[in-house]
Amino acid sequence: MQIGQFEIPEPVPELKNTVAFAMLKPWIDVGRVGSLVLNKLEGHFDAKELTRLSTPGMYFDFTRYRPRLIMSGNKRILSVPNTIIRHAYDVENDRSMLFLHIREPHMAGEDYASSISKLLTHFNVKEYCRIGGMYDSVPHSRKLVVTGSLAEEQYVLAEDLITSRSSKYTGPTSIVNLVSDHMVKQDCNVTSLMVHMPQYAKLDTDQMGVSRLLECICAIHNIDNSIAENSLGESQYKEIDKAVAGNSEIQLLIKQLEAYYDRSHDTGGEISDTKESNLSPEIESFLNEMGEQFNQK
């Protein structure tokens, strides 16, 4: 079956009460948090591939997303970047799940978004949940903030795990947001979860970010929270402690971030996407410089 630019092999699975989790690379996949969370969920539910783009070169520039040569057994094969969608069945909650590994397109973005929307509509998706991670002015020594846009009953389930978000952002964004717009028109519940990670300690894979995001997803969607185990994240962040131990400047910065974090949470105030409530431009600049230095160590 062909849906947009997605070829689905027969027999096409029948999905019910479907929840779709989507991450977008590279826009909101810092620390590979979105990718790793989907991988964890896929492993937990034994997900199988449903489909991928028939001709990914219609949308992706392969001088920017590079094909790779990989070994499969004794053979060397070419792996071409693609948007991959997997599916699984959640027996305990009697529902299907879709996991969308979406790449930002370089061309024909409207057609690309339309293909994704058509696939979600075909399977009558009830919830389209966008997940990911971003860098922010937060200390690694405090519980990572997760902001979200959820249905009312989901906020109740999340309790104090998620901070309400007031977003007034205007500016560049992804054409893939057309998918969200389309699903809203289809009366689909469009939600989002974003974990905020320390800007001065940019890890290739931020396991604490993965754990925090999974903790929220498990609470909201009634999933066994053992997959949100955080020992790897704790080990990583202890290494950050060691890395900054001899740097008085960054230690002072962390204390300022901690004070700002504690003040924001003690007042129960909302986290805003605007810069109005953030740290001064001087500290923001220093954060960026420290992040670059930290990555070079």
C-alpha atoms as a PDB file:
ATOM      1  CA  MET A   1       0.000   0.000   0.000  1.00  0.00           C
ATOM      2  CA  GLN A   2       1.257   3.463  -0.906  1.00  0.00           C
ATOM      3  CA  ILE A   3       0.402   6.357   1.428  1.00  0.00           C
ATOM      4  CA  GLY A   4       1.971   9.556   0.177  1.00  0.00           C
ATOM      5  CA  GLN A   5       5.654   8.695  -0.259  1.00  0.00           C
ATOM      6  CA  PHE A   6       5.508   5.796   2.209  1.00  0.00           C
ATOM      7  CA  GLU A   7       5.316   2.244   0.852  1.00  0.00           C
ATOM      8  CA  ILE A   8       3.752  -0.127   3.411  1.00  0.00           C
ATOM      9  CA  PRO A   9       4.324  -3.845   2.707  1.00  0.00           C
ATOM     10  CA  GLU A  10       1.345  -6.179   2.765  1.00  0.00           C
ATOM     11  CA  PRO A  11      -0.269  -7.276   4.948  1.00  0.00           C
ATOM     12  CA  VAL A  12      -0.865  -3.794   6.363  1.00  0.00           C
ATOM     13  CA  PRO A  13      -1.303  -4.081  10.150  1.00  0.00           C
ATOM     14  CA  GLU A  14      -4.575  -3.028  11.725  1.00  0.00           C
ATOM     15  CA  LEU A  15      -3.950  -0.433  14.415  1.00  0.00           C
ATOM     16  CA  LYS A  16      -6.363   0.666  17.167  1.00  0.00           C
ATOM     17  CA  ASN A  17      -6.504   3.561  19.654  1.00  0.00           C
ATOM     18  CA  THR A  18      -3.166   4.601  18.226  1.00  0.00           C
ATOM     19  CA  VAL A  19      -0.708   6.930  19.963  1.00  0.00           C
ATOM     20  CA  ALA A  20       2.122   8.285  17.790  1.00  0.00           C
ATOM     21  CA  PHE A  21       5.423   9.449  19.308  1.00  0.00           C
ATOM     22  CA  ALA A  22       7.566  11.588  16.997  1.00  0.00           C
ATOM     23  CA  MET A  23      11.020  13.110  17.243  1.00  0.00           C
ATOM     24  CA  LEU A  24      12.559  15.548  14.770  1.00  0.00           C
ATOM     25  CA  LYS A  25      16.232  15.409  13.877  1.00  0.00           C
ATOM     26  CA  PRO A  26      18.270  17.597  14.152  1.00  0.00           C
ATOM     27  CA  TRP A  27      16.075  20.475  15.417  1.00  0.00           C
ATOM     28  CA  ILE A  28      15.095  19.094  18.805  1.00  0.00           C
ATOM     29  CA  ASP A  29      17.260  15.997  19.239  1.00  0.00           C
ATOM     30  CA  VAL A  30      20.146  17.474  21.245  1.00  0.00           C
ATOM     31  CA  GLY A  31      21.956  14.872  23.294  1.00  0.00           C
ATOM     32  CA  ARG A  32      20.156  12.362  21.031  1.00  0.00           C
ATOM     33  CA  VAL A  33      17.413  12.399  23.657  1.00  0.00           C
ATOM     34  CA  GLY A  34      14.498  12.071  21.225  1.00  0.00           C
ATOM     35  CA  SER A  35      16.147   9.246  19.278  1.00  0.00           C
ATOM     36  CA  LEU A  36      17.143   7.301  22.390  1.00  0.00           C
ATOM     37  CA  VAL A  37      13.716   7.656  24.006  1.00  0.00           C
ATOM     38  CA  LEU A  38      12.061   6.225  20.896  1.00  0.00           C
ATOM     39  CA  ASN A  39      14.622   3.412  20.818  1.00  0.00           C
ATOM     40  CA  LYS A  40      13.854   2.548  24.454  1.00  0.00           C
ATOM     41  CA  LEU A  41      10.107   2.526  23.840  1.00  0.00           C
ATOM     42  CA  GLU A  42      10.540   0.446  20.691  1.00  0.00           C
ATOM     43  CA  GLY A  43      12.631  -2.102  22.571  1.00  0.00           C
ATOM     44  CA  HIS A  44      10.148  -2.265  25.436  1.00  0.00           C
ATOM     45  CA  PHE A  45       7.196  -2.917  23.109  1.00  0.00           C
ATOM     46  CA  ASP A  46       9.136  -5.030  20.576  1.00  0.00           C
ATOM     47  CA  ALA A  47       8.340  -2.618  17.741  1.00  0.00           C
ATOM     48  CA  LYS A  48       8.641  -3.622  14.091  1.00  0.00           C
ATOM     49  CA  GLU A  49       9.298  -1.416  11.092  1.00  0.00           C
ATOM     50  CA  LEU A  50       6.116  -0.263   9.399  1.00  0.00           C
ATOM     51  CA  THR A  51       7.480   1.864   6.592  1.00  0.00           C
ATOM     52  CA  ARG A  52      10.047   4.348   5.353  1.00  0.00           C
ATOM     53  CA  LEU A  53      10.139   6.847   2.498  1.00  0.00           C
ATOM     54  CA  SER A  54      10.232   5.167  -0.902  1.00  0.00           C
ATOM     55  CA  THR A  55      12.621   7.795  -2.308  1.00  0.00           C
ATOM     56  CA  PRO A  56      14.252   9.788   0.506  1.00  0.00           C
ATOM     57  CA  GLY A  57      16.345  11.742  -2.011  1.00  0.00           C
ATOM     58  CA  MET A  58      13.187  13.649  -2.928  1.00  0.00           C
ATOM     59  CA  TYR A  59      13.433  15.439   0.423  1.00  0.00           C
ATOM     60  CA  PHE A  60      16.973  15.095   1.769  1.00  0.00           C
ATOM     61  CA  ASP A  61      20.281  16.532   0.591  1.00  0.00           C
ATOM     62  CA  PHE A  62      22.734  13.637   0.892  1.00  0.00           C
ATOM     63  CA  THR A  63      25.686  16.017   1.110  1.00  0.00           C
ATOM     64  CA  ARG A  64      24.171  17.125   4.453  1.00  0.00           C
ATOM     65  CA  TYR A  65      22.707  13.823   5.672  1.00  0.00           C
ATOM     66  CA  ARG A  66      25.536  11.539   4.575  1.00  0.00           C
ATOM     67  CA  PRO A  67      24.884   7.933   3.505  1.00  0.00           C
ATOM     68  CA  ARG A  68      27.089   5.509   5.408  1.00  0.00           C
ATOM     69  CA  LEU A  69      28.788   2.216   4.616  1.00  0.00           C
ATOM     70  CA  ILE A  70      28.071  -0.315   7.363  1.00  0.00           C
ATOM     71  CA  MET A  71      28.840  -3.992   7.897  1.00  0.00           C
ATOM     72  CA  SER A  72      25.957  -6.468   7.932  1.00  0.00           C
ATOM     73  CA  GLY A  73      27.377  -9.896   8.645  1.00  0.00           C
ATOM     74  CA  ASN A  74      30.257 -10.241   6.192  1.00  0.00           C
ATOM     75  CA  LYS A  75      28.803  -7.743   3.731  1.00  0.00           C
ATOM     76  CA  ARG A  76      29.382  -4.038   3.445  1.00  0.00           C
ATOM     77  CA  ILE A  77      26.120  -2.258   2.601  1.00  0.00           C
ATOM     78  CA  LEU A  78      25.050   1.325   1.974  1.00  0.00           C
ATOM     79  CA  SER A  79      22.746   2.845   4.601  1.00  0.00           C
ATOM     80  CA  VAL A  80      20.748   5.761   3.185  1.00  0.00           C
ATOM     81  CA  PRO A  81      19.306   8.386   5.579  1.00  0.00           C
ATOM     82  CA  ASN A  82      15.539   8.103   5.757  1.00  0.00           C
ATOM     83  CA  THR A  83      12.449   8.810   7.837  1.00  0.00           C
ATOM     84  CA  ILE A  84      11.561   5.523   9.519  1.00  0.00           C
ATOM     85  CA  ILE A  85       8.281   4.623  11.211  1.00  0.00           C
ATOM     86  CA  ARG A  86       7.862   1.596  13.490  1.00  0.00           C
ATOM     87  CA  HIS A  87       4.768   0.169  15.133  1.00  0.00           C
ATOM     88  CA  ALA A  88       3.946  -1.913  18.201  1.00  0.00           C
ATOM     89  CA  TYR A  89       0.994  -3.116  20.237  1.00  0.00           C
ATOM     90  CA  ASP A  90       0.610  -2.240  23.913  1.00  0.00           C
ATOM     91  CA  VAL A  91      -1.290  -5.231  25.329  1.00  0.00           C
ATOM     92  CA  GLU A  92      -1.782  -3.800  28.808  1.00  0.00           C
ATOM     93  CA  ASN A  93      -3.513  -0.671  27.507  1.00  0.00           C
ATOM     94  CA  ASP A  94      -5.085  -2.260  24.410  1.00  0.00           C
ATOM     95  CA  ARG A  95      -3.670   0.251  21.961  1.00  0.00           C
ATOM     96  CA  SER A  96      -1.270   0.521  19.070  1.00  0.00           C
ATOM     97  CA  MET A  97       1.785   2.728  18.959  1.00  0.00           C
ATOM     98  CA  LEU A  98       3.661   4.426  16.170  1.00  0.00           C
ATOM     99  CA  PHE A  99       7.235   5.669  16.539  1.00  0.00           C
ATOM    100  CA  LEU A 100       8.291   8.297  13.995  1.00  0.00           C
ATOM    101  CA  HIS A 101      11.983   9.071  13.445  1.00  0.00           C
ATOM    102  CA  ILE A 102      11.507  12.238  11.397  1.00  0.00           C
ATOM    103  CA  ARG A 103      14.308  14.121   9.651  1.00  0.00           C
ATOM    104  CA  GLU A 104      14.082  17.788   8.772  1.00  0.00           C
ATOM    105  CA  PRO A 105      13.606  17.964   4.966  1.00  0.00           C
ATOM    106  CA  HIS A 106      15.817  20.110   2.749  1.00  0.00           C
ATOM    107  CA  MET A 107      13.322  20.363  -0.126  1.00  0.00           C
ATOM    108  CA  ALA A 108       9.679  19.686  -1.010  1.00  0.00           C
ATOM    109  CA  GLY A 109       8.824  20.206   2.660  1.00  0.00           C
ATOM    110  CA  GLU A 110       5.085  20.628   2.132  1.00  0.00           C
ATOM    111  CA  ASP A 111       4.839  17.330   0.267  1.00  0.00           C
ATOM    112  CA  TYR A 112       6.943  15.629   2.931  1.00  0.00           C
ATOM    113  CA  ALA A 113       4.736  16.873   5.767  1.00  0.00           C
ATOM    114  CA  SER A 114       1.642  15.911   3.778  1.00  0.00           C
ATOM    115  CA  SER A 115       2.891  12.319   3.426  1.00  0.00           C
ATOM    116  CA  ILE A 116       3.391  12.027   7.191  1.00  0.00           C
ATOM    117  CA  SER A 117      -0.035  13.556   7.858  1.00  0.00           C
ATOM    118  CA  LYS A 118      -1.729  11.172   5.431  1.00  0.00           C
ATOM    119  CA  LEU A 119      -0.144   8.174   7.122  1.00  0.00           C
ATOM    120  CA  LEU A 120      -1.232   9.333  10.599  1.00  0.00           C
ATOM    121  CA  THR A 121      -4.736  10.032   9.318  1.00  0.00           C
ATOM    122  CA  HIS A 122      -4.961   6.635   7.582  1.00  0.00           C
ATOM    123  CA  PHE A 123      -4.245   4.866  10.873  1.00  0.00           C
ATOM    124  CA  ASN A 124      -6.681   7.122  12.737  1.00  0.00           C
ATOM    125  CA  VAL A 125      -4.077   8.293  15.236  1.00  0.00           C
ATOM    126  CA  LYS A 126      -5.709   9.539  18.460  1.00  0.00           C
ATOM    127  CA  GLU A 127      -2.664  11.340  19.858  1.00  0.00           C
ATOM    128  CA  TYR A 128       0.350  12.802  18.102  1.00  0.00           C
ATOM    129  CA  CYS A 129       3.041  13.429  20.745  1.00  0.00           C
ATOM    130  CA  ARG A 130       6.188  15.316  19.759  1.00  0.00           C
ATOM    131  CA  ILE A 131       9.190  14.673  22.007  1.00  0.00           C
ATOM    132  CA  GLY A 132      12.713  16.016  22.170  1.00  0.00           C
ATOM    133  CA  GLY A 133      15.381  17.909  24.064  1.00  0.00           C
ATOM    134  CA  MET A 134      16.886  21.392  24.024  1.00  0.00           C
ATOM    135  CA  TYR A 135      19.736  23.187  25.764  1.00  0.00           C
ATOM    136  CA  ASP A 136      18.761  25.760  28.361  1.00  0.00           C
ATOM    137  CA  SER A 137      20.048  27.830  31.268  1.00  0.00           C
ATOM    138  CA  VAL A 138      19.582  25.042  33.813  1.00  0.00           C
ATOM    139  CA  PRO A 139      22.047  23.458  36.264  1.00  0.00           C
ATOM    140  CA  HIS A 140      22.969  19.780  36.038  1.00  0.00           C
ATOM    141  CA  SER A 141      22.756  19.651  39.846  1.00  0.00           C
ATOM    142  CA  ARG A 142      18.959  19.986  39.859  1.00  0.00           C
ATOM    143  CA  LYS A 143      16.180  17.800  38.470  1.00  0.00           C
ATOM    144  CA  LEU A 144      15.958  18.468  34.735  1.00  0.00           C
ATOM    145  CA  VAL A 145      12.956  20.521  33.704  1.00  0.00           C
ATOM    146  CA  VAL A 146      10.454  18.961  31.310  1.00  0.00           C
ATOM    147  CA  THR A 147       7.953  21.306  29.704  1.00  0.00           C
ATOM    148  CA  GLY A 148       4.904  20.132  27.861  1.00  0.00           C
ATOM    149  CA  SER A 149       1.713  20.898  26.059  1.00  0.00           C
ATOM    150  CA  LEU A 150      -0.800  18.251  27.154  1.00  0.00           C
ATOM    151  CA  ALA A 151      -4.465  17.479  27.533  1.00  0.00           C
ATOM    152  CA  GLU A 152      -5.946  18.427  30.924  1.00  0.00           C
ATOM    153  CA  GLU A 153      -6.201  14.846  32.135  1.00  0.00           C
ATOM    154  CA  GLN A 154      -2.552  14.250  31.185  1.00  0.00           C
ATOM    155  CA  TYR A 155      -1.388  17.151  33.359  1.00  0.00           C
ATOM    156  CA  VAL A 156      -3.148  15.421  36.274  1.00  0.00           C
ATOM    157  CA  LEU A 157      -1.355  12.144  35.536  1.00  0.00           C
ATOM    158  CA  ALA A 158       1.984  13.922  35.230  1.00  0.00           C
ATOM    159  CA  GLU A 159       1.497  15.631  38.628  1.00  0.00           C
ATOM    160  CA  ASP A 160       4.701  17.574  39.395  1.00  0.00           C
ATOM    161  CA  LEU A 161       6.847  15.889  36.734  1.00  0.00           C
ATOM    162  CA  ILE A 162       6.116  18.529  34.088  1.00  0.00           C
ATOM    163  CA  THR A 163       6.365  22.317  34.208  1.00  0.00           C
ATOM    164  CA  SER A 164       3.649  24.248  32.415  1.00  0.00           C
ATOM    165  CA  ARG A 165       4.945  26.161  29.420  1.00  0.00           C
ATOM    166  CA  SER A 166       4.008  29.619  28.240  1.00  0.00           C
ATOM    167  CA  SER A 167       5.357  29.985  24.714  1.00  0.00           C
ATOM    168  CA  LYS A 168       5.420  33.269  22.846  1.00  0.00           C
ATOM    169  CA  TYR A 169       8.214  32.258  20.494  1.00  0.00           C
ATOM    170  CA  THR A 170       8.242  33.734  17.014  1.00  0.00           C
ATOM    171  CA  GLY A 171      10.951  33.064  14.469  1.00  0.00           C
ATOM    172  CA  PRO A 172      12.446  30.248  12.393  1.00  0.00           C
ATOM    173  CA  THR A 173      10.885  26.845  12.887  1.00  0.00           C
ATOM    174  CA  SER A 174      10.392  23.529  11.094  1.00  0.00           C
ATOM    175  CA  ILE A 175       8.134  22.900   8.115  1.00  0.00           C
ATOM    176  CA  VAL A 176       7.238  19.627   9.871  1.00  0.00           C
ATOM    177  CA  ASN A 177       4.959  21.708  12.128  1.00  0.00           C
ATOM    178  CA  LEU A 178       2.498  21.426   9.242  1.00  0.00           C
ATOM    179  CA  VAL A 179       1.876  17.886  10.474  1.00  0.00           C
ATOM    180  CA  SER A 180       0.700  19.196  13.852  1.00  0.00           C
ATOM    181  CA  ASP A 181      -1.550  21.762  12.156  1.00  0.00           C
ATOM    182  CA  HIS A 182      -3.107  19.058  10.002  1.00  0.00           C
ATOM    183  CA  MET A 183      -3.687  16.680  12.913  1.00  0.00           C
ATOM    184  CA  VAL A 184      -5.375  19.389  14.968  1.00  0.00           C
ATOM    185  CA  LYS A 185      -7.848  19.820  12.108  1.00  0.00           C
ATOM    186  CA  GLN A 186      -8.471  16.063  12.261  1.00  0.00           C
ATOM    187  CA  ASP A 187      -9.465  16.400  15.951  1.00  0.00           C
ATOM    188  CA  CYS A 188      -6.337  14.517  16.969  1.00  0.00           C
ATOM    189  CA  ASN A 189      -4.857  15.301  20.403  1.00  0.00           C
ATOM    190  CA  VAL A 190      -1.541  17.039  19.562  1.00  0.00           C
ATOM    191  CA  THR A 191       0.838  17.097  22.532  1.00  0.00           C
ATOM    192  CA  SER A 192       4.514  17.745  23.200  1.00  0.00           C
ATOM    193  CA  LEU A 193       7.200  17.000  25.797  1.00  0.00           C
ATOM    194  CA  MET A 194      10.581  18.748  25.881  1.00  0.00           C
ATOM    195  CA  VAL A 195      13.398  18.134  28.350  1.00  0.00           C
ATOM    196  CA  HIS A 196      15.735  21.072  29.095  1.00  0.00           C
ATOM    197  CA  MET A 197      19.410  20.182  29.568  1.00  0.00           C
ATOM    198  CA  PRO A 198      22.434  22.188  30.812  1.00  0.00           C
ATOM    199  CA  GLN A 199      23.840  24.387  28.098  1.00  0.00           C
ATOM    200  CA  TYR A 200      27.386  24.332  29.500  1.00  0.00           C
ATOM    201  CA  ALA A 201      27.679  20.513  29.377  1.00  0.00           C
ATOM    202  CA  LYS A 202      26.674  19.324  25.927  1.00  0.00           C
ATOM    203  CA  LEU A 203      26.883  15.532  25.909  1.00  0.00           C
ATOM    204  CA  ASP A 204      26.742  13.407  22.752  1.00  0.00           C
ATOM    205  CA  THR A 205      24.130  11.247  24.493  1.00  0.00           C
ATOM    206  CA  ASP A 206      22.510  12.799  27.551  1.00  0.00           C
ATOM    207  CA  GLN A 207      21.219   9.797  29.492  1.00  0.00           C
ATOM    208  CA  MET A 208      19.730  11.914  32.280  1.00  0.00           C
ATOM    209  CA  GLY A 209      17.659  13.741  29.664  1.00  0.00           C
ATOM    210  CA  VAL A 210      16.521  10.378  28.289  1.00  0.00           C
ATOM    211  CA  SER A 211      15.541   9.163  31.764  1.00  0.00           C
ATOM    212  CA  ARG A 212      13.582  12.330  32.642  1.00  0.00           C
ATOM    213  CA  LEU A 213      11.647  12.317  29.381  1.00  0.00           C
ATOM    214  CA  LEU A 214      10.811   8.621  29.744  1.00  0.00           C
ATOM    215  CA  GLU A 215       9.691   9.214  33.330  1.00  0.00           C
ATOM    216  CA  CYS A 216       7.107  11.711  32.080  1.00  0.00           C
ATOM    217  CA  ILE A 217       5.963   9.566  29.144  1.00  0.00           C
ATOM    218  CA  CYS A 218       5.513   6.526  31.405  1.00  0.00           C
ATOM    219  CA  ALA A 219       3.440   8.501  33.908  1.00  0.00           C
ATOM    220  CA  ILE A 220       1.167  10.026  31.272  1.00  0.00           C
ATOM    221  CA  HIS A 221       0.700   6.897  29.156  1.00  0.00           C
ATOM    222  CA  ASN A 222       0.616   4.193  31.869  1.00  0.00           C
ATOM    223  CA  ILE A 223       3.861   2.495  30.827  1.00  0.00           C
ATOM    224  CA  ASP A 224       6.116   0.481  33.144  1.00  0.00           C
ATOM    225  CA  ASN A 225       8.546   3.113  34.435  1.00  0.00           C
ATOM    226  CA  SER A 226      11.416   0.654  34.810  1.00  0.00           C
ATOM    227  CA  ILE A 227      12.556   1.801  31.361  1.00  0.00           C
ATOM    228  CA  ALA A 228      13.170   5.269  32.862  1.00  0.00           C
ATOM    229  CA  GLU A 229      15.979   3.906  35.086  1.00  0.00           C
ATOM    230  CA  ASN A 230      18.539   6.692  35.545  1.00  0.00           C
ATOM    231  CA  SER A 231      21.817   5.109  36.741  1.00  0.00           C
ATOM    232  CA  LEU A 232      23.604   5.967  33.468  1.00  0.00           C
ATOM    233  CA  GLY A 233      22.450   9.572  33.724  1.00  0.00           C
ATOM    234  CA  GLU A 234      23.610   9.835  37.327  1.00  0.00           C
ATOM    235  CA  SER A 235      27.038   8.516  36.335  1.00  0.00           C
ATOM    236  CA  GLN A 236      27.315  11.022  33.491  1.00  0.00           C
ATOM    237  CA  TYR A 237      26.377  13.961  35.696  1.00  0.00           C
ATOM    238  CA  LYS A 238      28.877  12.877  38.371  1.00  0.00           C
ATOM    239  CA  GLU A 239      31.509  13.116  35.647  1.00  0.00           C
ATOM    240  CA  ILE A 240      30.347  16.677  35.002  1.00  0.00           C
ATOM    241  CA  ASP A 241      30.928  17.392  38.711  1.00  0.00           C
ATOM    242  CA  LYS A 242      34.509  16.178  38.329  1.00  0.00           C
ATOM    243  CA  ALA A 243      35.045  18.117  35.098  1.00  0.00           C
ATOM    244  CA  VAL A 244      34.007  21.462  36.614  1.00  0.00           C
ATOM    245  CA  ALA A 245      35.600  20.909  40.050  1.00  0.00           C
ATOM    246  CA  GLY A 246      38.695  22.954  39.230  1.00  0.00           C
ATOM    247  CA  ASN A 247      36.941  25.730  37.323  1.00  0.00           C
ATOM    248  CA  SER A 248      35.929  28.521  39.705  1.00  0.00           C
ATOM    249  CA  GLU A 249      34.181  30.497  36.951  1.00  0.00           C
ATOM    250  CA  ILE A 250      31.847  27.739  35.945  1.00  0.00           C
ATOM    251  CA  GLN A 251      31.240  26.765  39.580  1.00  0.00           C
ATOM    252  CA  LEU A 252      30.097  30.330  40.249  1.00  0.00           C
ATOM    253  CA  LEU A 253      27.896  30.156  37.173  1.00  0.00           C
ATOM    254  CA  ILE A 254      26.314  26.901  38.372  1.00  0.00           C
ATOM    255  CA  LYS A 255      25.517  28.508  41.736  1.00  0.00           C
ATOM    256  CA  GLN A 256      23.764  31.354  39.897  1.00  0.00           C
ATOM    257  CA  LEU A 257      21.823  28.865  37.782  1.00  0.00           C
ATOM    258  CA  GLU A 258      20.841  26.946  40.913  1.00  0.00           C
ATOM    259  CA  ALA A 259      19.588  30.131  42.583  1.00  0.00           C
ATOM    260  CA  TYR A 260      17.593  31.053  39.481  1.00  0.00           C
ATOM    261  CA  TYR A 261      16.192  27.506  39.221  1.00  0.00           C
ATOM    262  CA  ASP A 262      15.190  27.406  42.902  1.00  0.00           C
ATOM    263  CA  ARG A 263      13.595  30.849  42.738  1.00  0.00           C
ATOM    264  CA  SER A 264      11.582  29.919  39.636  1.00  0.00           C
ATOM    265  CA  HIS A 265      10.298  26.680  41.128  1.00  0.00           C
ATOM    266  CA  ASP A 266       9.644  28.013  44.626  1.00  0.00           C
ATOM    267  CA  THR A 267       7.278  30.628  43.208  1.00  0.00           C
ATOM    268  CA  GLY A 268       5.524  28.037  41.075  1.00  0.00           C
ATOM    269  CA  GLY A 269       6.001  30.302  38.084  1.00  0.00           C
ATOM    270  CA  GLU A 270       5.709  29.085  34.541  1.00  0.00           C
ATOM    271  CA  ILE A 271       8.753  28.442  32.401  1.00  0.00           C
ATOM    272  CA  SER A 272       8.625  30.729  29.394  1.00  0.00           C
ATOM    273  CA  ASP A 273      10.135  30.262  25.941  1.00  0.00           C
ATOM    274  CA  THR A 274      10.847  33.988  25.811  1.00  0.00           C
ATOM    275  CA  LYS A 275      14.080  35.538  27.101  1.00  0.00           C
ATOM    276  CA  GLU A 276      12.253  37.914  29.462  1.00  0.00           C
ATOM    277  CA  SER A 277      12.669  35.708  32.528  1.00  0.00           C
ATOM    278  CA  ASN A 278      16.057  34.242  31.605  1.00  0.00           C
ATOM    279  CA  LEU A 279      19.527  35.157  32.747  1.00  0.00           C
ATOM    280  CA  SER A 280      21.366  38.246  31.561  1.00  0.00           C
ATOM    281  CA  PRO A 281      22.910  38.346  28.043  1.00  0.00           C
ATOM    282  CA  GLU A 282      26.365  38.317  29.676  1.00  0.00           C
ATOM    283  CA  ILE A 283      25.644  35.035  31.454  1.00  0.00           C
ATOM    284  CA  GLU A 284      24.015  33.579  28.330  1.00  0.00           C
ATOM    285  CA  SER A 285      27.187  34.416  26.385  1.00  0.00           C
ATOM    286  CA  PHE A 286      29.348  32.908  29.113  1.00  0.00           C
ATOM    287  CA  LEU A 287      27.228  29.740  29.036  1.00  0.00           C
ATOM    288  CA  ASN A 288      27.887  29.336  25.325  1.00  0.00           C
ATOM    289  CA  GLU A 289      31.631  29.855  25.797  1.00  0.00           C
ATOM    290  CA  MET A 290      31.742  27.335  28.655  1.00  0.00           C
ATOM    291  CA  GLY A 291      29.789  24.825  26.572  1.00  0.00           C
ATOM    292  CA  GLU A 292      32.371  25.054  23.803  1.00  0.00           C
ATOM    293  CA  GLN A 293      35.251  24.688  26.273  1.00  0.00           C
ATOM    294  CA  PHE A 294      33.568  21.756  28.027  1.00  0.00           C
ATOM    295  CA  ASN A 295      33.126  19.920  24.739  1.00  0.00           C
ATOM    296  CA  GLN A 296      36.829  20.272  23.951  1.00  0.00           C
ATOM    297  CA  LYS A 297      37.918  18.585  27.205  1.00  0.00           C
END
